[in-house]
């Protein structure tokens, strides 16, 4: 896990997924910063995870891993190998 911050907003990132441009209804590549299970984001379905989604816009939402699986082109749980989301920085100050 690695903490990503934007002002007073702190997110616990446990994984990162990049999808291809061919996701249905989207014409852009998306990055998903998978967030640790926290009391306000926990869902009982293991297929559903909370993520910060970055594409043309950026926002937090619940996503279905099985829905995006066919479009995944890169996935990692090594958060030290990725850049933070647009507008965020790594709390430890170490860049990828």
C-alpha atoms as a PDB file:
ATOM      1  CA  UNK A   1       0.000   0.000   0.000  1.00  0.00           C
ATOM      2  CA  UNK A   2       1.097   3.545  -0.711  1.00  0.00           C
ATOM      3  CA  UNK A   3      -0.570   6.817   0.252  1.00  0.00           C
ATOM      4  CA  UNK A   4      -1.401   9.377  -2.422  1.00  0.00           C
ATOM      5  CA  UNK A   5      -2.371  12.915  -1.358  1.00  0.00           C
ATOM      6  CA  UNK A   6      -4.040  15.972  -2.824  1.00  0.00           C
ATOM      7  CA  UNK A   7      -4.226  18.714  -0.188  1.00  0.00           C
ATOM      8  CA  UNK A   8      -6.063  17.224   2.782  1.00  0.00           C
ATOM      9  CA  UNK A   9      -7.343  14.236   0.732  1.00  0.00           C
ATOM     10  CA  UNK A  10      -5.320  11.049   1.411  1.00  0.00           C
ATOM     11  CA  UNK A  11      -5.961   7.793  -0.463  1.00  0.00           C
ATOM     12  CA  UNK A  12      -4.510   4.350   0.350  1.00  0.00           C
ATOM     13  CA  UNK A  13      -3.561   2.873  -3.045  1.00  0.00           C
ATOM     14  CA  UNK A  14      -3.085  -0.918  -3.254  1.00  0.00           C
ATOM     15  CA  UNK A  15      -3.034  -1.422  -7.024  1.00  0.00           C
ATOM     16  CA  UNK A  16      -3.082   0.192 -10.441  1.00  0.00           C
ATOM     17  CA  UNK A  17      -4.784  -0.848 -13.697  1.00  0.00           C
ATOM     18  CA  UNK A  18      -4.540   0.691 -17.178  1.00  0.00           C
ATOM     19  CA  UNK A  19      -7.170  -0.182 -19.787  1.00  0.00           C
ATOM     20  CA  UNK A  20      -6.990  -0.013 -23.578  1.00  0.00           C
ATOM     21  CA  UNK A  21      -8.824   2.614 -25.586  1.00  0.00           C
ATOM     22  CA  UNK A  22     -11.592   0.173 -26.534  1.00  0.00           C
ATOM     23  CA  UNK A  23     -13.572   0.148 -23.281  1.00  0.00           C
ATOM     24  CA  UNK A  24     -17.284   0.244 -24.251  1.00  0.00           C
ATOM     25  CA  UNK A  25     -18.825   3.734 -24.195  1.00  0.00           C
ATOM     26  CA  UNK A  26     -15.397   5.355 -23.702  1.00  0.00           C
ATOM     27  CA  UNK A  27     -12.960   6.602 -26.319  1.00  0.00           C
ATOM     28  CA  UNK A  28     -10.072   7.122 -23.947  1.00  0.00           C
ATOM     29  CA  UNK A  29      -7.553   5.134 -21.957  1.00  0.00           C
ATOM     30  CA  UNK A  30      -8.360   4.931 -18.256  1.00  0.00           C
ATOM     31  CA  UNK A  31      -6.213   4.415 -15.194  1.00  0.00           C
ATOM     32  CA  UNK A  32      -7.678   2.899 -12.040  1.00  0.00           C
ATOM     33  CA  UNK A  33      -5.934   3.503  -8.720  1.00  0.00           C
ATOM     34  CA  UNK A  34      -7.376   0.675  -6.612  1.00  0.00           C
ATOM     35  CA  UNK A  35      -8.005   1.843  -3.049  1.00  0.00           C
ATOM     36  CA  UNK A  36      -7.670  -0.173   0.153  1.00  0.00           C
ATOM     37  CA  UNK A  37     -10.879  -1.359   1.770  1.00  0.00           C
ATOM     38  CA  UNK A  38     -11.912   1.385   4.125  1.00  0.00           C
ATOM     39  CA  UNK A  39     -15.097   1.469   6.215  1.00  0.00           C
ATOM     40  CA  UNK A  40     -16.819   3.970   3.911  1.00  0.00           C
ATOM     41  CA  UNK A  41     -15.813   2.155   0.684  1.00  0.00           C
ATOM     42  CA  UNK A  42     -16.119  -1.538   1.614  1.00  0.00           C
ATOM     43  CA  UNK A  43     -18.451  -3.618  -0.524  1.00  0.00           C
ATOM     44  CA  UNK A  44     -19.351  -7.246   0.259  1.00  0.00           C
ATOM     45  CA  UNK A  45     -18.772  -8.310  -3.371  1.00  0.00           C
ATOM     46  CA  UNK A  46     -15.055  -9.035  -4.060  1.00  0.00           C
ATOM     47  CA  UNK A  47     -15.603  -8.154  -7.748  1.00  0.00           C
ATOM     48  CA  UNK A  48     -16.456  -4.585  -6.755  1.00  0.00           C
ATOM     49  CA  UNK A  49     -13.606  -2.340  -5.622  1.00  0.00           C
ATOM     50  CA  UNK A  50     -13.329   1.349  -4.891  1.00  0.00           C
ATOM     51  CA  UNK A  51     -10.940   3.220  -7.176  1.00  0.00           C
ATOM     52  CA  UNK A  52      -9.803   6.656  -8.180  1.00  0.00           C
ATOM     53  CA  UNK A  53     -10.498   6.632 -11.927  1.00  0.00           C
ATOM     54  CA  UNK A  54      -8.452   8.911 -14.163  1.00  0.00           C
ATOM     55  CA  UNK A  55      -9.346   9.505 -17.801  1.00  0.00           C
ATOM     56  CA  UNK A  56     -10.544  12.768 -19.271  1.00  0.00           C
ATOM     57  CA  UNK A  57     -11.901  13.497 -15.794  1.00  0.00           C
ATOM     58  CA  UNK A  58     -10.897  12.134 -12.416  1.00  0.00           C
ATOM     59  CA  UNK A  59     -13.097  10.819  -9.636  1.00  0.00           C
ATOM     60  CA  UNK A  60     -13.584   8.069  -7.081  1.00  0.00           C
ATOM     61  CA  UNK A  61     -16.150   5.333  -7.709  1.00  0.00           C
ATOM     62  CA  UNK A  62     -16.931   1.667  -7.256  1.00  0.00           C
ATOM     63  CA  UNK A  63     -15.906  -0.443 -10.260  1.00  0.00           C
ATOM     64  CA  UNK A  64     -16.454  -4.033 -11.329  1.00  0.00           C
ATOM     65  CA  UNK A  65     -13.148  -5.818 -11.951  1.00  0.00           C
ATOM     66  CA  UNK A  66     -14.837  -8.396 -14.197  1.00  0.00           C
ATOM     67  CA  UNK A  67     -16.354  -5.627 -16.346  1.00  0.00           C
ATOM     68  CA  UNK A  68     -12.998  -4.017 -17.132  1.00  0.00           C
ATOM     69  CA  UNK A  69     -10.959  -7.283 -17.246  1.00  0.00           C
ATOM     70  CA  UNK A  70     -11.209  -7.782 -21.057  1.00  0.00           C
ATOM     71  CA  UNK A  71      -9.704  -4.312 -21.595  1.00  0.00           C
ATOM     72  CA  UNK A  72      -6.819  -4.423 -19.096  1.00  0.00           C
ATOM     73  CA  UNK A  73      -3.434  -3.844 -20.729  1.00  0.00           C
ATOM     74  CA  UNK A  74      -1.366  -3.363 -17.543  1.00  0.00           C
ATOM     75  CA  UNK A  75      -1.864  -4.190 -13.870  1.00  0.00           C
ATOM     76  CA  UNK A  76       0.378  -3.943 -10.812  1.00  0.00           C
ATOM     77  CA  UNK A  77       0.238  -4.011  -7.053  1.00  0.00           C
ATOM     78  CA  UNK A  78       3.717  -2.450  -6.865  1.00  0.00           C
ATOM     79  CA  UNK A  79       2.674   1.123  -6.239  1.00  0.00           C
ATOM     80  CA  UNK A  80       6.310   2.267  -6.133  1.00  0.00           C
ATOM     81  CA  UNK A  81       6.553   1.657  -9.894  1.00  0.00           C
ATOM     82  CA  UNK A  82       3.776   4.064 -10.944  1.00  0.00           C
ATOM     83  CA  UNK A  83       3.201   7.797 -11.073  1.00  0.00           C
ATOM     84  CA  UNK A  84       0.529   9.334  -8.855  1.00  0.00           C
ATOM     85  CA  UNK A  85      -2.789  10.418 -10.354  1.00  0.00           C
ATOM     86  CA  UNK A  86      -3.044  13.857 -11.954  1.00  0.00           C
ATOM     87  CA  UNK A  87      -3.168  16.472  -9.181  1.00  0.00           C
ATOM     88  CA  UNK A  88      -1.909  14.029  -6.521  1.00  0.00           C
ATOM     89  CA  UNK A  89       1.530  13.248  -5.106  1.00  0.00           C
ATOM     90  CA  UNK A  90       2.941  10.336  -3.161  1.00  0.00           C
ATOM     91  CA  UNK A  91       2.868  11.078   0.580  1.00  0.00           C
ATOM     92  CA  UNK A  92       6.343   9.556   1.040  1.00  0.00           C
ATOM     93  CA  UNK A  93       7.793  12.048  -1.462  1.00  0.00           C
ATOM     94  CA  UNK A  94       9.458   9.290  -3.518  1.00  0.00           C
ATOM     95  CA  UNK A  95       8.645   9.480  -7.213  1.00  0.00           C
ATOM     96  CA  UNK A  96       8.309   6.420  -9.492  1.00  0.00           C
END
